[in-house]
Amino acid sequence: MSRHDRDAEIAAFIRTKGVTRCPTACSVPTQGSPDHADQAALEQYALARDELARSKIATRWQVFGSLRFRN
């Protein structure tokens, strides 16, 4: 396959699949701003993740606090 044929095939794939960016380029923060629905969903996700982490920490402290140490 020639370079021209390969480039044409890649361009056709991008047109049909709707791919707009390289996945590796998405691994770092960008200057773009998501729409309000996505921002709200991300905020809800962050709150849920934080709440889960806090509950795990609280559970660990409860277990640790219930341990009795012998002298």
C-alpha atoms as a PDB file:
ATOM      1  CA  MET A   1       0.000   0.000   0.000  1.00  0.00           C
ATOM      2  CA  SER A   2       1.438   3.347  -1.004  1.00  0.00           C
ATOM      3  CA  ARG A   3       1.653   6.286   1.363  1.00  0.00           C
ATOM      4  CA  HIS A   4      -1.022   8.135  -0.649  1.00  0.00           C
ATOM      5  CA  ASP A   5      -3.410   5.141  -0.466  1.00  0.00           C
ATOM      6  CA  ARG A   6      -2.813   4.803   3.258  1.00  0.00           C
ATOM      7  CA  ASP A   7      -3.477   8.505   3.878  1.00  0.00           C
ATOM      8  CA  ALA A   8      -6.653   8.324   1.782  1.00  0.00           C
ATOM      9  CA  GLU A   9      -7.839   5.272   3.724  1.00  0.00           C
ATOM     10  CA  ILE A  10      -7.176   6.990   7.062  1.00  0.00           C
ATOM     11  CA  ALA A  11      -9.050  10.099   5.895  1.00  0.00           C
ATOM     12  CA  ALA A  12     -12.004   7.951   4.796  1.00  0.00           C
ATOM     13  CA  PHE A  13     -12.053   6.186   8.162  1.00  0.00           C
ATOM     14  CA  ILE A  14     -12.046   9.512  10.001  1.00  0.00           C
ATOM     15  CA  ARG A  15     -14.906  10.816   7.818  1.00  0.00           C
ATOM     16  CA  THR A  16     -17.080   7.721   8.320  1.00  0.00           C
ATOM     17  CA  LYS A  17     -16.376   7.131  12.017  1.00  0.00           C
ATOM     18  CA  GLY A  18     -16.420  10.766  13.086  1.00  0.00           C
ATOM     19  CA  VAL A  19     -13.045  10.626  14.797  1.00  0.00           C
ATOM     20  CA  THR A  20     -11.990  14.211  15.469  1.00  0.00           C
ATOM     21  CA  ARG A  21      -8.825  13.880  17.527  1.00  0.00           C
ATOM     22  CA  CYS A  22      -6.003  11.542  18.387  1.00  0.00           C
ATOM     23  CA  PRO A  23      -6.573   9.497  21.601  1.00  0.00           C
ATOM     24  CA  THR A  24      -3.038  10.187  22.801  1.00  0.00           C
ATOM     25  CA  ALA A  25      -3.663  13.920  22.483  1.00  0.00           C
ATOM     26  CA  CYS A  26      -6.583  13.501  24.891  1.00  0.00           C
ATOM     27  CA  SER A  27      -4.409  12.183  27.690  1.00  0.00           C
ATOM     28  CA  VAL A  28      -3.406  15.659  28.842  1.00  0.00           C
ATOM     29  CA  PRO A  29      -5.582  18.664  29.700  1.00  0.00           C
ATOM     30  CA  THR A  30      -6.515  20.921  26.809  1.00  0.00           C
ATOM     31  CA  GLN A  31      -7.611  24.525  26.465  1.00  0.00           C
ATOM     32  CA  GLY A  32     -11.116  23.502  25.362  1.00  0.00           C
ATOM     33  CA  SER A  33     -14.154  24.053  27.532  1.00  0.00           C
ATOM     34  CA  PRO A  34     -16.834  21.336  27.713  1.00  0.00           C
ATOM     35  CA  ASP A  35     -20.496  22.244  27.534  1.00  0.00           C
ATOM     36  CA  HIS A  36     -22.484  22.838  30.715  1.00  0.00           C
ATOM     37  CA  ALA A  37     -24.028  19.340  30.818  1.00  0.00           C
ATOM     38  CA  ASP A  38     -20.588  17.718  30.678  1.00  0.00           C
ATOM     39  CA  GLN A  39     -19.249  20.103  33.326  1.00  0.00           C
ATOM     40  CA  ALA A  40     -22.160  19.235  35.627  1.00  0.00           C
ATOM     41  CA  ALA A  41     -21.677  15.511  35.043  1.00  0.00           C
ATOM     42  CA  LEU A  42     -17.963  15.809  35.784  1.00  0.00           C
ATOM     43  CA  GLU A  43     -18.699  17.732  38.978  1.00  0.00           C
ATOM     44  CA  GLN A  44     -21.207  15.081  40.097  1.00  0.00           C
ATOM     45  CA  TYR A  45     -18.656  12.360  39.361  1.00  0.00           C
ATOM     46  CA  ALA A  46     -15.993  14.168  41.377  1.00  0.00           C
ATOM     47  CA  LEU A  47     -18.392  14.618  44.312  1.00  0.00           C
ATOM     48  CA  ALA A  48     -19.406  10.945  44.249  1.00  0.00           C
ATOM     49  CA  ARG A  49     -15.763   9.845  44.047  1.00  0.00           C
ATOM     50  CA  ASP A  50     -14.854  12.116  46.964  1.00  0.00           C
ATOM     51  CA  GLU A  51     -17.772  10.835  49.043  1.00  0.00           C
ATOM     52  CA  LEU A  52     -16.771   7.227  48.371  1.00  0.00           C
ATOM     53  CA  ALA A  53     -13.174   7.939  49.365  1.00  0.00           C
ATOM     54  CA  ARG A  54     -14.321   9.637  52.567  1.00  0.00           C
ATOM     55  CA  SER A  55     -16.584   6.718  53.489  1.00  0.00           C
ATOM     56  CA  LYS A  56     -13.737   4.250  52.918  1.00  0.00           C
ATOM     57  CA  ILE A  57     -11.457   6.307  55.143  1.00  0.00           C
ATOM     58  CA  ALA A  58     -14.141   6.535  57.836  1.00  0.00           C
ATOM     59  CA  THR A  59     -14.657   2.767  57.723  1.00  0.00           C
ATOM     60  CA  ARG A  60     -10.941   2.154  58.089  1.00  0.00           C
ATOM     61  CA  TRP A  61     -10.770   4.507  61.079  1.00  0.00           C
ATOM     62  CA  GLN A  62     -13.726   2.736  62.703  1.00  0.00           C
ATOM     63  CA  VAL A  63     -11.975  -0.614  62.321  1.00  0.00           C
ATOM     64  CA  PHE A  64      -8.727   0.846  63.626  1.00  0.00           C
ATOM     65  CA  GLY A  65     -10.531   2.483  66.573  1.00  0.00           C
ATOM     66  CA  SER A  66     -12.176  -0.805  67.553  1.00  0.00           C
ATOM     67  CA  LEU A  67      -8.861  -2.641  67.866  1.00  0.00           C
ATOM     68  CA  ARG A  68      -7.630  -3.269  71.399  1.00  0.00           C
ATOM     69  CA  PHE A  69      -3.929  -3.314  71.973  1.00  0.00           C
ATOM     70  CA  ARG A  70      -2.345  -5.392  74.718  1.00  0.00           C
ATOM     71  CA  ASN A  71       0.476  -4.070  76.872  1.00  0.00           C
END
